[in-house]
Protein backbone atom coordinates (compact mmCIF):
# COMPACT_ATOMS: atom_id res chain seq x y z
CA MET A 1 112.92 101.52 92.07
CA LEU A 2 110.18 99.72 93.71
CA ASP A 3 110.32 96.06 92.72
CA GLY A 4 112.22 97.26 89.46
CA LYS A 5 109.75 100.12 88.52
CA SER A 6 110.31 103.76 88.71
CA VAL A 7 108.11 105.29 91.61
CA GLU A 8 106.91 108.98 90.67
CA GLY A 9 106.53 111.49 93.45
CA ALA A 10 108.55 109.89 95.96
CA THR A 11 110.47 112.21 98.25
CA VAL A 12 114.09 110.92 98.95
CA PHE A 13 116.05 112.15 101.86
CA PHE A 14 119.55 112.14 102.59
CA SER A 15 120.86 112.32 106.01
CA PRO A 16 124.17 112.72 107.49
CA ALA A 17 125.33 109.34 108.72
CA ALA A 18 126.38 109.40 112.69
CA SER A 19 129.91 108.68 111.88
CA GLU A 20 129.71 111.69 109.65
CA GLY A 21 128.83 113.86 112.41
CA ALA A 22 128.10 117.58 111.23
CA ALA A 23 130.23 117.41 108.18
CA GLY A 24 127.50 116.37 106.04
CA LEU A 25 124.32 118.68 105.14
CA PRO A 26 120.85 117.19 104.98
CA ALA A 27 119.15 117.51 101.49
CA ALA A 28 116.23 115.93 99.90
CA GLY A 29 114.73 115.71 96.47
CA ARG A 30 111.38 114.46 94.69
CA THR A 31 111.54 111.83 92.28
CA ALA A 32 110.31 112.34 88.44
CA ALA A 33 108.24 109.92 86.43
CA ASP A 34 111.37 107.71 85.78
CA GLY A 35 112.52 108.03 89.19
CA SER A 36 115.12 110.45 89.08
CA PHE A 37 115.54 113.29 91.56
CA ARG A 38 117.88 115.93 92.40
CA LEU A 39 119.08 117.10 95.58
CA ASN A 40 118.35 120.33 97.30
CA ALA A 41 120.16 120.78 100.48
CA GLY A 42 118.91 122.89 103.05
CA GLY A 43 120.43 125.75 104.78
CA GLY A 44 119.96 128.26 101.54
CA ALA A 45 121.90 125.90 99.19
CA THR A 46 121.29 126.17 95.60
CA PRO A 47 118.53 124.65 94.39
CA GLY A 48 119.13 121.22 92.69
CA ALA A 49 122.64 121.73 93.58
CA GLY A 50 123.24 118.28 96.06
CA THR A 51 124.69 118.20 99.16
CA LYS A 52 127.83 118.25 100.86
CA VAL A 53 130.54 115.49 100.20
CA GLY A 54 130.16 112.83 102.85
CA ASP A 55 128.03 109.63 103.96
CA TYR A 56 124.32 109.44 104.29
CA ILE A 57 121.32 107.68 105.30
CA VAL A 58 118.94 107.42 102.85
CA THR A 59 115.28 107.32 103.44
CA VAL A 60 112.15 107.14 100.56
CA ILE A 61 108.84 108.56 101.73
CA LYS A 62 105.56 108.23 99.74
CA GLN A 63 102.16 108.96 101.26
CA GLU A 64 98.73 109.89 100.06
CA SER A 65 95.99 111.31 102.20
CA ASP A 66 92.14 111.71 102.10
CA SER A 67 91.52 114.88 100.53
CA LEU A 68 89.52 117.84 102.39
CA PRO A 69 86.02 118.46 101.56
CA PRO A 70 85.63 121.96 99.88
CA PRO A 71 85.25 125.00 102.41
CA ASP A 72 82.16 125.58 103.69
CA LEU A 73 81.79 129.01 105.34
CA ASN A 74 78.61 127.89 107.02
CA SER A 75 80.03 124.80 108.65
CA PRO A 76 82.59 124.47 111.38
CA PRO A 77 86.08 123.81 109.87
CA PRO A 78 87.14 119.91 109.47
CA ASP A 79 88.61 117.87 112.33
CA PHE A 80 92.18 117.29 110.86
CA LYS A 81 92.57 114.49 113.11
CA GLU A 82 90.68 112.35 111.00
CA ILE A 83 92.27 112.97 107.85
CA GLN A 84 93.78 109.34 107.04
CA VAL A 85 97.50 109.35 105.56
CA ARG A 86 98.93 106.06 104.03
CA ASP A 87 102.33 104.95 103.11
CA LEU A 88 102.70 104.09 99.74
CA LEU A 89 106.26 102.56 100.19
CA PRO A 90 107.30 99.79 102.95
CA THR A 91 107.80 101.71 105.93
CA ILE A 92 111.36 100.48 106.34
CA TYR A 93 112.52 102.94 104.28
CA LYS A 94 110.80 106.20 106.02
CA LEU A 95 112.82 106.32 109.11
CA SER A 96 117.01 106.24 109.24
CA ALA A 97 116.82 104.09 111.82
CA THR A 98 115.40 100.97 109.77
CA SER A 99 116.25 102.17 106.29
CA PRO A 100 119.07 99.86 104.74
CA LEU A 101 119.66 102.64 102.01
CA ARG A 102 123.26 104.26 102.01
CA ALA A 103 124.84 106.71 99.97
CA THR A 104 128.43 108.46 99.83
CA VAL A 105 128.30 111.77 98.06
CA LYS A 106 131.73 112.64 96.24
CA PRO A 107 133.17 115.50 94.51
CA GLY A 108 131.15 116.42 91.41
CA LYS A 109 127.87 114.79 89.91
CA ASN A 110 126.76 111.58 91.82
CA THR A 111 124.47 108.94 90.42
CA TYR A 112 122.52 106.79 92.57
CA ARG A 113 119.87 103.79 91.94
CA PHE A 114 117.87 102.95 95.19
CA GLU A 115 116.17 99.35 95.00
CA LEU A 116 113.36 99.27 97.32
CA ASP A 117 111.75 96.05 97.71
CA SER A 118 107.71 95.78 98.28
CA LYS A 119 108.06 92.90 100.98
CA ALA A 120 110.61 94.69 102.78
CA LYS A 121 109.95 94.64 106.68
CA ALA A 122 112.01 96.00 109.40
CA GLU A 123 113.82 93.72 111.75
CA SER A 124 112.12 93.44 114.73
CA ALA A 125 114.09 94.90 117.97
CA LYS A 126 115.26 92.23 120.17
């Protein structure tokens, strides 16, 4: 949720918290129109099966980019360095180092509701 509204097409990442060490398993899921998501753990886990029990730092990313021009065999390829990528959510939620979002995965089915604030800013380093 961003300012109380569902965010469709965002990617939600669960990264094992430092205190959990190797016990957790990174996982990600894409949000549907209602903001719901199902986690898919890395390492050959069953799609949609979630992740291991443990504590996680949660990051959320939604971006858009310039579209590529249609292919033209008579001209050089486009310069990918010039393609602009824009964050559609506050950058505080993009990195594990700045995201305030946390989750504890317990055995069985888990439900989470993450409230993102469009005015949230990362605290400046001192």
